[in-house]
Amino acid sequence: MSDKINITINGKTHTAKPNQSVLDACRENGVSIPNLCNDPRLKPFGSCMICRVEIEGERGVPLSCGAQIRDGMVITTESDAIKKQERPALNF
């Protein structure tokens, strides 16, 4: 198994490590995704609900902290659909 896989983030090709979260892969490639509850010492639990992304071929806007990276994945980190989901999560 290769130690790097190819992914696309916001239209640009990047590499990522297998078995990491979308959030971590984006961070390692210089793409910022807002989040509040992510802590590398804990398993992802998605309580803040603001680290949403769009993943080509998947319905809805999943949480990037809980989504597993896979080879060929196409990820969008900024869109109207994501903004619609972030706003309610930030109203507390």
PDB file of N, CA and C in Angstrom:
ATOM      1  N   MET A   1       0.843  -1.191   0.000  1.00  0.00           N
ATOM      2  CA  MET A   1       0.000   0.000   0.000  1.00  0.00           C
ATOM      3  C   MET A   1       0.881   1.245   0.000  1.00  0.00           C
ATOM      4  N   SER A   2       0.542   2.202  -0.826  1.00  0.00           N
ATOM      5  CA  SER A   2       1.310   3.430  -0.943  1.00  0.00           C
ATOM      6  C   SER A   2       1.163   4.267   0.326  1.00  0.00           C
ATOM      7  N   ASP A   3       2.189   5.052   0.609  1.00  0.00           N
ATOM      8  CA  ASP A   3       2.104   5.909   1.786  1.00  0.00           C
ATOM      9  C   ASP A   3       1.482   7.267   1.474  1.00  0.00           C
ATOM     10  N   LYS A   4       1.092   7.500   0.219  1.00  0.00           N
ATOM     11  CA  LYS A   4       0.400   8.729  -0.171  1.00  0.00           C
ATOM     12  C   LYS A   4      -0.706   8.394  -1.165  1.00  0.00           C
ATOM     13  N   ILE A   5      -1.801   9.130  -1.076  1.00  0.00           N
ATOM     14  CA  ILE A   5      -2.889   8.991  -2.044  1.00  0.00           C
ATOM     15  C   ILE A   5      -3.177  10.363  -2.628  1.00  0.00           C
ATOM     16  N   ASN A   6      -3.789  10.387  -3.792  1.00  0.00           N
ATOM     17  CA  ASN A   6      -4.116  11.643  -4.466  1.00  0.00           C
ATOM     18  C   ASN A   6      -5.540  12.068  -4.143  1.00  0.00           C
ATOM     19  N   ILE A   7      -5.698  13.335  -3.832  1.00  0.00           N
ATOM     20  CA  ILE A   7      -7.010  13.915  -3.563  1.00  0.00           C
ATOM     21  C   ILE A   7      -7.082  15.280  -4.260  1.00  0.00           C
ATOM     22  N   THR A   8      -8.281  15.788  -4.400  1.00  0.00           N
ATOM     23  CA  THR A   8      -8.482  17.130  -4.948  1.00  0.00           C
ATOM     24  C   THR A   8      -9.234  17.941  -3.906  1.00  0.00           C
ATOM     25  N   ILE A   9      -8.668  19.098  -3.575  1.00  0.00           N
ATOM     26  CA  ILE A   9      -9.302  20.004  -2.616  1.00  0.00           C
ATOM     27  C   ILE A   9      -9.499  21.340  -3.317  1.00  0.00           C
ATOM     28  N   ASN A  10     -10.749  21.752  -3.419  1.00  0.00           N
ATOM     29  CA  ASN A  10     -11.086  23.034  -4.052  1.00  0.00           C
ATOM     30  C   ASN A  10     -10.455  23.174  -5.436  1.00  0.00           C
ATOM     31  N   GLY A  11     -10.486  22.085  -6.200  1.00  0.00           N
ATOM     32  CA  GLY A  11     -10.010  22.114  -7.573  1.00  0.00           C
ATOM     33  C   GLY A  11      -8.517  21.919  -7.768  1.00  0.00           C
ATOM     34  N   LYS A  12      -7.766  21.777  -6.688  1.00  0.00           N
ATOM     35  CA  LYS A  12      -6.316  21.586  -6.788  1.00  0.00           C
ATOM     36  C   LYS A  12      -5.937  20.192  -6.310  1.00  0.00           C
ATOM     37  N   THR A  13      -4.996  19.558  -7.018  1.00  0.00           N
ATOM     38  CA  THR A  13      -4.552  18.219  -6.667  1.00  0.00           C
ATOM     39  C   THR A  13      -3.551  18.276  -5.522  1.00  0.00           C
ATOM     40  N   HIS A  14      -3.742  17.387  -4.553  1.00  0.00           N
ATOM     41  CA  HIS A  14      -2.873  17.284  -3.381  1.00  0.00           C
ATOM     42  C   HIS A  14      -2.626  15.812  -3.087  1.00  0.00           C
ATOM     43  N   THR A  15      -1.738  15.557  -2.136  1.00  0.00           N
ATOM     44  CA  THR A  15      -1.557  14.193  -1.646  1.00  0.00           C
ATOM     45  C   THR A  15      -1.938  14.154  -0.176  1.00  0.00           C
ATOM     46  N   ALA A  16      -2.280  12.969   0.282  1.00  0.00           N
ATOM     47  CA  ALA A  16      -2.659  12.770   1.680  1.00  0.00           C
ATOM     48  C   ALA A  16      -2.199  11.388   2.119  1.00  0.00           C
ATOM     49  N   LYS A  17      -2.178  11.191   3.416  1.00  0.00           N
ATOM     50  CA  LYS A  17      -1.836   9.886   3.977  1.00  0.00           C
ATOM     51  C   LYS A  17      -3.108   9.046   4.071  1.00  0.00           C
ATOM     52  N   PRO A  18      -3.029   7.770   3.709  1.00  0.00           N
ATOM     53  CA  PRO A  18      -4.206   6.915   3.886  1.00  0.00           C
ATOM     54  C   PRO A  18      -4.619   6.885   5.361  1.00  0.00           C
ATOM     55  N   ASN A  19      -5.870   6.642   5.606  1.00  0.00           N
ATOM     56  CA  ASN A  19      -6.424   6.484   6.957  1.00  0.00           C
ATOM     57  C   ASN A  19      -6.412   7.749   7.796  1.00  0.00           C
ATOM     58  N   GLN A  20      -6.408   8.915   7.161  1.00  0.00           N
ATOM     59  CA  GLN A  20      -6.540  10.127   7.954  1.00  0.00           C
ATOM     60  C   GLN A  20      -7.878  10.781   7.625  1.00  0.00           C
ATOM     61  N   SER A  21      -8.270  11.696   8.483  1.00  0.00           N
ATOM     62  CA  SER A  21      -9.549  12.376   8.259  1.00  0.00           C
ATOM     63  C   SER A  21      -9.397  13.417   7.157  1.00  0.00           C
ATOM     64  N   VAL A  22     -10.529  13.806   6.594  1.00  0.00           N
ATOM     65  CA  VAL A  22     -10.529  14.875   5.600  1.00  0.00           C
ATOM     66  C   VAL A  22      -9.999  16.160   6.241  1.00  0.00           C
ATOM     67  N   LEU A  23     -10.392  16.426   7.473  1.00  0.00           N
ATOM     68  CA  LEU A  23      -9.925  17.620   8.185  1.00  0.00           C
ATOM     69  C   LEU A  23      -8.403  17.638   8.267  1.00  0.00           C
ATOM     70  N   ASP A  24      -7.799  16.539   8.685  1.00  0.00           N
ATOM     71  CA  ASP A  24      -6.342  16.472   8.810  1.00  0.00           C
ATOM     72  C   ASP A  24      -5.645  16.578   7.459  1.00  0.00           C
ATOM     73  N   ALA A  25      -6.199  15.938   6.437  1.00  0.00           N
ATOM     74  CA  ALA A  25      -5.602  16.011   5.098  1.00  0.00           C
ATOM     75  C   ALA A  25      -5.643  17.444   4.576  1.00  0.00           C
ATOM     76  N   CYS A  26      -6.753  18.130   4.811  1.00  0.00           N
ATOM     77  CA  CYS A  26      -6.847  19.523   4.371  1.00  0.00           C
ATOM     78  C   CYS A  26      -5.836  20.388   5.116  1.00  0.00           C
ATOM     79  N   ARG A  27      -5.758  20.224   6.420  1.00  0.00           N
ATOM     80  CA  ARG A  27      -4.785  20.989   7.218  1.00  0.00           C
ATOM     81  C   ARG A  27      -3.367  20.792   6.701  1.00  0.00           C
ATOM     82  N   GLU A  28      -2.994  19.535   6.475  1.00  0.00           N
ATOM     83  CA  GLU A  28      -1.638  19.235   6.016  1.00  0.00           C
ATOM     84  C   GLU A  28      -1.345  19.822   4.641  1.00  0.00           C
ATOM     85  N   ASN A  29      -2.385  20.134   3.894  1.00  0.00           N
ATOM     86  CA  ASN A  29      -2.205  20.728   2.574  1.00  0.00           C
ATOM     87  C   ASN A  29      -2.491  22.228   2.565  1.00  0.00           C
ATOM     88  N   GLY A  30      -2.548  22.836   3.742  1.00  0.00           N
ATOM     89  CA  GLY A  30      -2.691  24.289   3.850  1.00  0.00           C
ATOM     90  C   GLY A  30      -4.083  24.820   3.624  1.00  0.00           C
ATOM     91  N   VAL A  31      -5.089  23.939   3.699  1.00  0.00           N
ATOM     92  CA  VAL A  31      -6.481  24.366   3.514  1.00  0.00           C
ATOM     93  C   VAL A  31      -7.155  24.395   4.882  1.00  0.00           C
ATOM     94  N   SER A  32      -7.620  25.554   5.267  1.00  0.00           N
ATOM     95  CA  SER A  32      -8.225  25.732   6.582  1.00  0.00           C
ATOM     96  C   SER A  32      -9.714  25.391   6.545  1.00  0.00           C
ATOM     97  N   ILE A  33     -10.141  24.619   7.526  1.00  0.00           N
ATOM     98  CA  ILE A  33     -11.556  24.301   7.710  1.00  0.00           C
ATOM     99  C   ILE A  33     -11.896  24.700   9.146  1.00  0.00           C
ATOM    100  N   PRO A  34     -12.927  25.532   9.331  1.00  0.00           N
ATOM    101  CA  PRO A  34     -13.264  25.930  10.698  1.00  0.00           C
ATOM    102  C   PRO A  34     -13.676  24.730  11.538  1.00  0.00           C
ATOM    103  N   ASN A  35     -13.249  24.749  12.801  1.00  0.00           N
ATOM    104  CA  ASN A  35     -13.641  23.688  13.737  1.00  0.00           C
ATOM    105  C   ASN A  35     -13.405  24.189  15.148  1.00  0.00           C
ATOM    106  N   LEU A  36     -14.152  23.634  16.076  1.00  0.00           N
ATOM    107  CA  LEU A  36     -14.009  24.010  17.480  1.00  0.00           C
ATOM    108  C   LEU A  36     -13.667  22.824  18.373  1.00  0.00           C
ATOM    109  N   CYS A  37     -14.201  21.657  18.062  1.00  0.00           N
ATOM    110  CA  CYS A  37     -14.093  20.538  18.993  1.00  0.00           C
ATOM    111  C   CYS A  37     -12.985  19.545  18.659  1.00  0.00           C
ATOM    112  N   ASN A  38     -12.301  19.717  17.535  1.00  0.00           N
ATOM    113  CA  ASN A  38     -11.283  18.748  17.146  1.00  0.00           C
ATOM    114  C   ASN A  38     -10.082  18.818  18.073  1.00  0.00           C
ATOM    115  N   ASP A  39      -9.709  17.677  18.617  1.00  0.00           N
ATOM    116  CA  ASP A  39      -8.554  17.552  19.500  1.00  0.00           C
ATOM    117  C   ASP A  39      -7.833  16.268  19.114  1.00  0.00           C
ATOM    118  N   PRO A  40      -6.560  16.345  18.739  1.00  0.00           N
ATOM    119  CA  PRO A  40      -5.857  15.148  18.275  1.00  0.00           C
ATOM    120  C   PRO A  40      -5.758  14.034  19.327  1.00  0.00           C
ATOM    121  N   ARG A  41      -6.018  14.350  20.578  1.00  0.00           N
ATOM    122  CA  ARG A  41      -5.961  13.330  21.637  1.00  0.00           C
ATOM    123  C   ARG A  41      -7.251  12.524  21.739  1.00  0.00           C
ATOM    124  N   LEU A  42      -8.304  12.964  21.037  1.00  0.00           N
ATOM    125  CA  LEU A  42      -9.606  12.316  21.127  1.00  0.00           C
ATOM    126  C   LEU A  42     -10.042  11.764  19.779  1.00  0.00           C
ATOM    127  N   LYS A  43     -10.934  10.784  19.813  1.00  0.00           N
ATOM    128  CA  LYS A  43     -11.560  10.313  18.589  1.00  0.00           C
ATOM    129  C   LYS A  43     -12.524  11.398  18.123  1.00  0.00           C
ATOM    130  N   PRO A  44     -12.674  11.569  16.801  1.00  0.00           N
ATOM    131  CA  PRO A  44     -13.601  12.598  16.312  1.00  0.00           C
ATOM    132  C   PRO A  44     -15.033  12.327  16.790  1.00  0.00           C
ATOM    133  N   PHE A  45     -15.696  13.375  17.265  1.00  0.00           N
ATOM    134  CA  PHE A  45     -17.077  13.193  17.696  1.00  0.00           C
ATOM    135  C   PHE A  45     -18.014  14.249  17.125  1.00  0.00           C
ATOM    136  N   GLY A  46     -17.490  15.246  16.415  1.00  0.00           N
ATOM    137  CA  GLY A  46     -18.301  16.169  15.638  1.00  0.00           C
ATOM    138  C   GLY A  46     -19.310  16.998  16.406  1.00  0.00           C
ATOM    139  N   SER A  47     -19.041  17.339  17.637  1.00  0.00           N
ATOM    140  CA  SER A  47     -20.039  18.071  18.410  1.00  0.00           C
ATOM    141  C   SER A  47     -20.208  19.524  17.969  1.00  0.00           C
ATOM    142  N   CYS A  48     -19.189  20.140  17.398  1.00  0.00           N
ATOM    143  CA  CYS A  48     -19.336  21.547  17.012  1.00  0.00           C
ATOM    144  C   CYS A  48     -20.089  21.711  15.691  1.00  0.00           C
ATOM    145  N   MET A  49     -20.073  20.688  14.850  1.00  0.00           N
ATOM    146  CA  MET A  49     -20.848  20.650  13.605  1.00  0.00           C
ATOM    147  C   MET A  49     -20.469  21.725  12.577  1.00  0.00           C
ATOM    148  N   ILE A  50     -19.284  22.342  12.695  1.00  0.00           N
ATOM    149  CA  ILE A  50     -18.947  23.390  11.730  1.00  0.00           C
ATOM    150  C   ILE A  50     -17.850  22.997  10.743  1.00  0.00           C
ATOM    151  N   CYS A  51     -17.298  21.820  10.843  1.00  0.00           N
ATOM    152  CA  CYS A  51     -16.208  21.423   9.932  1.00  0.00           C
ATOM    153  C   CYS A  51     -16.751  20.706   8.697  1.00  0.00           C
ATOM    154  N   ARG A  52     -17.851  21.183   8.188  1.00  0.00           N
ATOM    155  CA  ARG A  52     -18.507  20.527   7.050  1.00  0.00           C
ATOM    156  C   ARG A  52     -17.779  20.791   5.738  1.00  0.00           C
ATOM    157  N   VAL A  53     -17.854  19.798   4.857  1.00  0.00           N
ATOM    158  CA  VAL A  53     -17.291  19.877   3.507  1.00  0.00           C
ATOM    159  C   VAL A  53     -18.264  19.211   2.550  1.00  0.00           C
ATOM    160  N   GLU A  54     -18.038  19.402   1.270  1.00  0.00           N
ATOM    161  CA  GLU A  54     -18.753  18.629   0.266  1.00  0.00           C
ATOM    162  C   GLU A  54     -17.768  17.615  -0.294  1.00  0.00           C
ATOM    163  N   ILE A  55     -18.224  16.396  -0.486  1.00  0.00           N
ATOM    164  CA  ILE A  55     -17.412  15.332  -1.061  1.00  0.00           C
ATOM    165  C   ILE A  55     -18.145  14.819  -2.279  1.00  0.00           C
ATOM    166  N   GLU A  56     -17.477  14.895  -3.421  1.00  0.00           N
ATOM    167  CA  GLU A  56     -18.103  14.470  -4.673  1.00  0.00           C
ATOM    168  C   GLU A  56     -18.590  13.030  -4.556  1.00  0.00           C
ATOM    169  N   GLY A  57     -19.854  12.822  -4.967  1.00  0.00           N
ATOM    170  CA  GLY A  57     -20.441  11.494  -4.935  1.00  0.00           C
ATOM    171  C   GLY A  57     -21.163  11.161  -3.642  1.00  0.00           C
ATOM    172  N   GLU A  58     -21.059  12.040  -2.637  1.00  0.00           N
ATOM    173  CA  GLU A  58     -21.750  11.817  -1.364  1.00  0.00           C
ATOM    174  C   GLU A  58     -22.861  12.851  -1.205  1.00  0.00           C
ATOM    175  N   ARG A  59     -23.921  12.438  -0.555  1.00  0.00           N
ATOM    176  CA  ARG A  59     -25.039  13.344  -0.302  1.00  0.00           C
ATOM    177  C   ARG A  59     -24.749  14.226   0.901  1.00  0.00           C
ATOM    178  N   GLY A  60     -25.310  15.410   0.877  1.00  0.00           N
ATOM    179  CA  GLY A  60     -25.200  16.296   2.021  1.00  0.00           C
ATOM    180  C   GLY A  60     -23.831  16.915   2.174  1.00  0.00           C
ATOM    181  N   VAL A  61     -23.579  17.425   3.367  1.00  0.00           N
ATOM    182  CA  VAL A  61     -22.306  18.064   3.694  1.00  0.00           C
ATOM    183  C   VAL A  61     -21.754  17.424   4.973  1.00  0.00           C
ATOM    184  N   PRO A  62     -20.967  16.361   4.812  1.00  0.00           N
ATOM    185  CA  PRO A  62     -20.471  15.623   5.977  1.00  0.00           C
ATOM    186  C   PRO A  62     -19.458  16.418   6.796  1.00  0.00           C
ATOM    187  N   LEU A  63     -19.254  15.985   8.009  1.00  0.00           N
ATOM    188  CA  LEU A  63     -18.250  16.580   8.889  1.00  0.00           C
ATOM    189  C   LEU A  63     -16.869  16.075   8.469  1.00  0.00           C
ATOM    190  N   SER A  64     -15.948  16.992   8.258  1.00  0.00           N
ATOM    191  CA  SER A  64     -14.613  16.602   7.788  1.00  0.00           C
ATOM    192  C   SER A  64     -13.814  15.860   8.855  1.00  0.00           C
ATOM    193  N   CYS A  65     -14.135  16.076  10.123  1.00  0.00           N
ATOM    194  CA  CYS A  65     -13.384  15.399  11.185  1.00  0.00           C
ATOM    195  C   CYS A  65     -13.696  13.908  11.226  1.00  0.00           C
ATOM    196  N   GLY A  66     -14.865  13.520  10.757  1.00  0.00           N
ATOM    197  CA  GLY A  66     -15.252  12.117  10.809  1.00  0.00           C
ATOM    198  C   GLY A  66     -15.191  11.413   9.470  1.00  0.00           C
ATOM    199  N   ALA A  67     -14.967  12.158   8.393  1.00  0.00           N
ATOM    200  CA  ALA A  67     -14.900  11.565   7.053  1.00  0.00           C
ATOM    201  C   ALA A  67     -13.481  11.056   6.794  1.00  0.00           C
ATOM    202  N   GLN A  68     -13.381   9.826   6.360  1.00  0.00           N
ATOM    203  CA  GLN A  68     -12.095   9.182   6.070  1.00  0.00           C
ATOM    204  C   GLN A  68     -11.651   9.530   4.652  1.00  0.00           C
ATOM    205  N   ILE A  69     -10.396   9.897   4.500  1.00  0.00           N
ATOM    206  CA  ILE A  69      -9.847  10.223   3.183  1.00  0.00           C
ATOM    207  C   ILE A  69      -9.734   8.947   2.344  1.00  0.00           C
ATOM    208  N   ARG A  70      -9.932   9.069   1.031  1.00  0.00           N
ATOM    209  CA  ARG A  70      -9.736   7.926   0.135  1.00  0.00           C
ATOM    210  C   ARG A  70      -9.150   8.414  -1.182  1.00  0.00           C
ATOM    211  N   ASP A  71      -8.469   7.541  -1.853  1.00  0.00           N
ATOM    212  CA  ASP A  71      -7.793   7.897  -3.093  1.00  0.00           C
ATOM    213  C   ASP A  71      -8.789   8.432  -4.117  1.00  0.00           C
ATOM    214  N   GLY A  72      -8.430   9.537  -4.745  1.00  0.00           N
ATOM    215  CA  GLY A  72      -9.276  10.139  -5.774  1.00  0.00           C
ATOM    216  C   GLY A  72     -10.392  11.014  -5.250  1.00  0.00           C
ATOM    217  N   MET A  73     -10.500  11.184  -3.939  1.00  0.00           N
ATOM    218  CA  MET A  73     -11.574  11.974  -3.339  1.00  0.00           C
ATOM    219  C   MET A  73     -11.509  13.426  -3.825  1.00  0.00           C
ATOM    220  N   VAL A  74     -12.684  13.984  -4.110  1.00  0.00           N
ATOM    221  CA  VAL A  74     -12.793  15.385  -4.527  1.00  0.00           C
ATOM    222  C   VAL A  74     -13.563  16.122  -3.429  1.00  0.00           C
ATOM    223  N   ILE A  75     -12.902  17.086  -2.811  1.00  0.00           N
ATOM    224  CA  ILE A  75     -13.426  17.782  -1.633  1.00  0.00           C
ATOM    225  C   ILE A  75     -13.586  19.268  -1.938  1.00  0.00           C
ATOM    226  N   THR A  76     -14.708  19.832  -1.509  1.00  0.00           N
ATOM    227  CA  THR A  76     -14.932  21.272  -1.599  1.00  0.00           C
ATOM    228  C   THR A  76     -15.123  21.778  -0.177  1.00  0.00           C
ATOM    229  N   THR A  77     -14.374  22.812   0.191  1.00  0.00           N
ATOM    230  CA  THR A  77     -14.452  23.310   1.564  1.00  0.00           C
ATOM    231  C   THR A  77     -15.269  24.591   1.701  1.00  0.00           C
ATOM    232  N   GLU A  78     -15.613  25.229   0.591  1.00  0.00           N
ATOM    233  CA  GLU A  78     -16.400  26.456   0.647  1.00  0.00           C
ATOM    234  C   GLU A  78     -17.473  26.427  -0.429  1.00  0.00           C
ATOM    235  N   SER A  79     -18.725  26.513  -0.010  1.00  0.00           N
ATOM    236  CA  SER A  79     -19.853  26.552  -0.941  1.00  0.00           C
ATOM    237  C   SER A  79     -21.068  27.099  -0.203  1.00  0.00           C
ATOM    238  N   ASP A  80     -22.100  27.418  -0.952  1.00  0.00           N
ATOM    239  CA  ASP A  80     -23.338  27.900  -0.332  1.00  0.00           C
ATOM    240  C   ASP A  80     -23.964  26.832   0.561  1.00  0.00           C
ATOM    241  N   ALA A  81     -23.901  25.565   0.133  1.00  0.00           N
ATOM    242  CA  ALA A  81     -24.472  24.477   0.932  1.00  0.00           C
ATOM    243  C   ALA A  81     -23.767  24.353   2.281  1.00  0.00           C
ATOM    244  N   ILE A  82     -22.461  24.516   2.283  1.00  0.00           N
ATOM    245  CA  ILE A  82     -21.699  24.444   3.532  1.00  0.00           C
ATOM    246  C   ILE A  82     -22.057  25.627   4.428  1.00  0.00           C
ATOM    247  N   LYS A  83     -22.113  26.821   3.868  1.00  0.00           N
ATOM    248  CA  LYS A  83     -22.448  28.014   4.651  1.00  0.00           C
ATOM    249  C   LYS A  83     -23.822  27.890   5.293  1.00  0.00           C
ATOM    250  N   LYS A  84     -24.784  27.310   4.573  1.00  0.00           N
ATOM    251  CA  LYS A  84     -26.130  27.112   5.128  1.00  0.00           C
ATOM    252  C   LYS A  84     -26.097  26.212   6.353  1.00  0.00           C
ATOM    253  N   GLN A  85     -25.232  25.212   6.352  1.00  0.00           N
ATOM    254  CA  GLN A  85     -25.149  24.276   7.470  1.00  0.00           C
ATOM    255  C   GLN A  85     -24.342  24.847   8.634  1.00  0.00           C
ATOM    256  N   GLU A  86     -23.379  25.709   8.344  1.00  0.00           N
ATOM    257  CA  GLU A  86     -22.540  26.282   9.405  1.00  0.00           C
ATOM    258  C   GLU A  86     -23.300  27.293  10.247  1.00  0.00           C
ATOM    259  N   ARG A  87     -24.106  28.114   9.608  1.00  0.00           N
ATOM    260  CA  ARG A  87     -24.795  29.181  10.348  1.00  0.00           C
ATOM    261  C   ARG A  87     -25.610  28.685  11.524  1.00  0.00           C
ATOM    262  N   PRO A  88     -26.482  27.683  11.343  1.00  0.00           N
ATOM    263  CA  PRO A  88     -27.251  27.209  12.502  1.00  0.00           C
ATOM    264  C   PRO A  88     -26.361  26.646  13.607  1.00  0.00           C
ATOM    265  N   ALA A  89     -25.261  26.033  13.239  1.00  0.00           N
ATOM    266  CA  ALA A  89     -24.364  25.454  14.247  1.00  0.00           C
ATOM    267  C   ALA A  89     -23.695  26.535  15.085  1.00  0.00           C
ATOM    268  N   LEU A  90     -23.537  27.717  14.514  1.00  0.00           N
ATOM    269  CA  LEU A  90     -22.863  28.805  15.228  1.00  0.00           C
ATOM    270  C   LEU A  90     -23.818  29.688  16.027  1.00  0.00           C
ATOM    271  N   ASN A  91     -25.112  29.471  15.896  1.00  0.00           N
ATOM    272  CA  ASN A  91     -26.098  30.249  16.650  1.00  0.00           C
ATOM    273  C   ASN A  91     -26.352  29.598  17.996  1.00  0.00           C
ATOM    274  N   PHE A  92     -25.581  30.000  18.976  1.00  0.00           N
ATOM    275  CA  PHE A  92     -25.782  29.448  20.328  1.00  0.00           C
ATOM    276  C   PHE A  92     -25.819  30.544  21.336  1.00  0.00           C
TER     277      PHE A  92
END
